Amino acid sequence: MMKPSVNEDSMQNAKLLIKQKQVLGGYRVEFAYSAYDEEKYGLQNPGFLKVYKNNKMIFSDVFYGDNELYILPLENLSTDKDKVFFTLNWGLEACDYVQTSRFYCITTDDKVHKLGDHWAMSTGDGYSSRNFKYFFSQDNHNLMVVESLFFNEHDQKDLSDTIVYTFEENKFKVRRLSNHLKSAN
């Protein structure tokens, strides 16, 4: 009697549909893909993120991505410990594959702010790499993200941008110090 074959890809895809939960401060965050089929959706599989406080949903968001999903709490190094910062991450940074991080902040009035998407990838031929790094300002409660694009052959000028998310009470402003990479944030 032959053993039935198991398609490992379909088993892994099914795991991506299982709702994950994580607690951040006093908030419960749930996230997963709502459908996953790379043949049908490619790298744009629909997914969701929901934030709960005291079992009541206070925020929901959708995204389109592929591959592993995870939440990364961002350690707030500033003196303002009342805000909860985190990223929802999807994708896998590899040759010609994009890893995206969507930044969020929950403020003291239980409002969830979607700050922006930042992404990283390298070209398959090793020609260029794009990345980002975030920093918290200790003095003025800002979140700063530096995006960079490096050309490994050095035949083009390397580029970088700085995006500053400034918080005043429970509201935020986005200030772009430059726009060399022409990103949407």
Protein backbone atom coordinates (compact mmCIF):
# COMPACT_ATOMS: atom_id res chain seq x y z
CA MET A 1 0.00 0.00 0.00
CA MET A 2 1.43 3.39 -0.98
CA LYS A 3 1.63 6.16 1.54
CA PRO A 4 -0.20 9.30 0.36
CA SER A 5 2.13 12.14 -0.50
CA VAL A 6 1.98 15.32 1.54
CA ASN A 7 2.55 18.65 -0.11
CA GLU A 8 4.82 20.49 2.35
CA ASP A 9 4.05 23.83 0.73
CA SER A 10 0.32 23.48 1.35
CA MET A 11 0.97 22.48 5.00
CA GLN A 12 3.18 25.55 5.48
CA ASN A 13 0.60 27.77 3.77
CA ALA A 14 -2.10 26.41 6.11
CA LYS A 15 0.06 27.40 9.11
CA LEU A 16 0.11 31.00 7.83
CA LEU A 17 -3.70 31.07 8.13
CA ILE A 18 -3.62 30.25 11.87
CA LYS A 19 -4.33 33.36 13.91
CA GLN A 20 -1.37 34.36 16.07
CA LYS A 21 -1.75 36.31 19.30
CA GLN A 22 0.71 38.45 21.20
CA VAL A 23 0.30 40.65 24.27
CA LEU A 24 1.96 44.09 24.20
CA GLY A 25 1.45 46.09 27.38
CA GLY A 26 -2.27 45.88 28.12
CA TYR A 27 -3.17 45.10 24.50
CA ARG A 28 -3.76 41.82 22.67
CA VAL A 29 -2.66 41.80 19.04
CA GLU A 30 -3.98 39.16 16.62
CA PHE A 31 -2.72 38.68 13.08
CA ALA A 32 -2.70 36.16 10.21
CA TYR A 33 -3.30 35.83 6.52
CA SER A 34 -6.99 35.57 5.66
CA ALA A 35 -6.16 33.67 2.44
CA TYR A 36 -2.86 32.27 1.22
CA ASP A 37 -2.16 30.94 -2.26
CA GLU A 38 1.00 32.13 -3.99
CA GLU A 39 -0.23 30.78 -7.34
CA LYS A 40 -3.39 32.89 -7.03
CA TYR A 41 -2.14 35.95 -5.09
CA GLY A 42 1.63 35.88 -5.71
CA LEU A 43 3.33 38.11 -3.11
CA GLN A 44 0.04 39.89 -2.31
CA ASN A 45 -1.79 37.43 -0.04
CA PRO A 46 -4.41 39.26 2.07
CA GLY A 47 -3.87 39.43 5.81
CA PHE A 48 -5.19 41.24 8.88
CA LEU A 49 -4.07 42.72 12.18
CA LYS A 50 -6.47 43.43 15.08
CA VAL A 51 -5.71 45.12 18.40
CA TYR A 52 -7.85 44.50 21.50
CA LYS A 53 -8.07 46.25 24.87
CA ASN A 54 -10.17 44.50 27.55
CA ASN A 55 -11.49 42.07 24.90
CA LYS A 56 -12.84 44.95 22.78
CA MET A 57 -11.36 45.51 19.33
CA ILE A 58 -9.95 49.04 19.12
CA PHE A 59 -8.17 48.81 15.76
CA SER A 60 -7.95 46.69 12.63
CA ASP A 61 -5.73 46.87 9.59
CA VAL A 62 -5.18 44.88 6.41
CA PHE A 63 -2.01 44.15 4.48
CA TYR A 64 -0.93 42.21 1.42
CA GLY A 65 2.20 40.11 1.66
CA ASP A 66 3.72 36.68 1.69
CA ASN A 67 5.77 34.33 3.84
CA GLU A 68 6.25 34.34 7.61
CA LEU A 69 4.38 36.83 9.82
CA TYR A 70 5.58 38.08 13.18
CA ILE A 71 5.21 40.99 15.60
CA LEU A 72 8.29 42.75 16.92
CA PRO A 73 7.82 44.98 19.97
CA LEU A 74 10.10 48.00 19.73
CA GLU A 75 11.83 48.88 22.95
CA ASN A 76 11.03 52.50 23.64
CA LEU A 77 14.32 53.98 24.78
CA SER A 78 12.85 57.42 25.42
CA THR A 79 11.52 58.59 28.76
CA ASP A 80 7.95 58.35 27.42
CA LYS A 81 7.01 54.79 28.42
CA ASP A 82 3.26 55.31 27.92
CA LYS A 83 3.31 54.53 24.22
CA VAL A 84 3.57 51.02 22.81
CA PHE A 85 5.54 50.72 19.58
CA PHE A 86 5.60 47.57 17.45
CA THR A 87 6.01 46.37 13.89
CA LEU A 88 4.07 43.80 11.92
CA ASN A 89 6.56 42.05 9.66
CA TRP A 90 5.99 39.92 6.59
CA GLY A 91 8.11 38.54 3.82
CA LEU A 92 11.61 37.20 3.81
CA GLU A 93 14.54 39.38 2.85
CA ALA A 94 16.52 37.42 0.28
CA CYS A 95 17.59 37.72 -3.32
CA ASP A 96 14.74 39.58 -5.04
CA TYR A 97 12.36 38.99 -2.09
CA VAL A 98 11.08 41.84 0.06
CA GLN A 99 10.70 41.90 3.86
CA THR A 100 8.29 44.63 4.99
CA SER A 101 7.85 46.13 8.47
CA ARG A 102 4.76 48.22 9.19
CA PHE A 103 5.30 50.49 12.19
CA TYR A 104 2.51 51.13 14.72
CA CYS A 105 2.18 53.15 17.92
CA ILE A 106 -0.54 52.80 20.58
CA THR A 107 -0.99 56.02 22.55
CA THR A 108 -2.38 56.55 26.04
CA ASP A 109 -5.89 57.23 24.67
CA ASP A 110 -5.94 53.64 23.27
CA LYS A 111 -5.61 54.84 19.69
CA VAL A 112 -3.49 52.79 17.33
CA HIS A 113 -1.55 54.84 14.77
CA LYS A 114 -0.22 53.24 11.59
CA LEU A 115 3.03 55.13 11.07
CA GLY A 116 4.46 53.74 7.85
CA ASP A 117 5.82 50.77 5.92
CA HIS A 118 9.56 50.29 5.51
CA TRP A 119 11.14 47.46 3.58
CA ALA A 120 14.40 45.67 2.86
CA MET A 121 15.63 43.52 -0.02
CA SER A 122 18.70 42.63 -2.06
CA THR A 123 18.82 42.05 -5.77
CA GLY A 124 19.53 38.52 -6.92
CA ASP A 125 22.58 39.63 -8.86
CA GLY A 126 24.07 41.36 -5.80
CA TYR A 127 23.92 44.74 -7.51
CA SER A 128 22.04 46.66 -4.80
CA SER A 129 20.60 46.36 -1.31
CA ARG A 130 17.89 48.36 0.41
CA ASN A 131 17.43 48.43 4.18
CA PHE A 132 16.21 50.53 7.10
CA LYS A 133 17.01 51.06 10.78
CA TYR A 134 14.93 52.73 13.48
CA PHE A 135 16.01 54.87 16.44
CA PHE A 136 14.21 56.49 19.37
CA SER A 137 15.19 60.00 20.38
CA GLN A 138 15.81 60.20 24.13
CA ASP A 139 15.18 63.95 24.23
CA ASN A 140 12.06 64.64 22.21
CA HIS A 141 10.12 61.36 21.99
CA ASN A 142 10.61 60.94 18.25
CA LEU A 143 10.87 57.73 16.30
CA MET A 144 13.36 58.10 13.47
CA VAL A 145 13.70 55.66 10.57
CA VAL A 146 16.68 55.80 8.23
CA GLU A 147 16.19 54.11 4.86
CA SER A 148 19.20 53.33 2.69
CA LEU A 149 19.97 52.01 -0.77
CA PHE A 150 23.50 50.78 -1.46
CA PHE A 151 24.97 49.95 -4.86
CA ASN A 152 27.59 47.25 -4.39
CA GLU A 153 29.38 48.08 -7.66
CA HIS A 154 29.62 51.75 -6.58
CA ASP A 155 28.66 52.81 -10.11
CA GLN A 156 25.83 54.88 -8.64
CA LYS A 157 25.65 57.10 -5.61
CA ASP A 158 24.35 55.39 -2.45
CA LEU A 159 21.11 56.97 -1.22
CA SER A 160 19.54 57.47 2.20
CA ASP A 161 16.51 59.18 3.68
CA THR A 162 15.49 60.03 7.21
CA ILE A 163 11.84 59.97 8.26
CA VAL A 164 10.95 61.40 11.68
CA TYR A 165 7.69 60.49 13.44
CA THR A 166 7.08 63.21 16.06
CA PHE A 167 4.60 62.70 18.88
CA GLU A 168 2.86 65.56 20.64
CA GLU A 169 0.51 64.25 23.30
CA ASN A 170 -1.45 61.53 21.48
CA LYS A 171 -0.98 62.75 17.90
CA PHE A 172 1.89 62.30 15.51
CA LYS A 173 3.36 64.10 12.52
CA VAL A 174 5.60 62.70 9.81
CA ARG A 175 8.53 64.78 8.65
CA ARG A 176 10.75 63.59 5.83
CA LEU A 177 14.18 65.20 5.92
CA SER A 178 14.90 64.08 2.36
CA ASN A 179 13.22 62.00 -0.35
CA HIS A 180 16.08 60.52 -2.37
CA LEU A 181 14.45 57.07 -2.46
CA LYS A 182 11.02 58.42 -3.48
CA SER A 183 9.18 56.25 -0.96
CA ALA A 184 5.57 56.80 0.02
CA ASN A 185 6.06 57.33 3.78
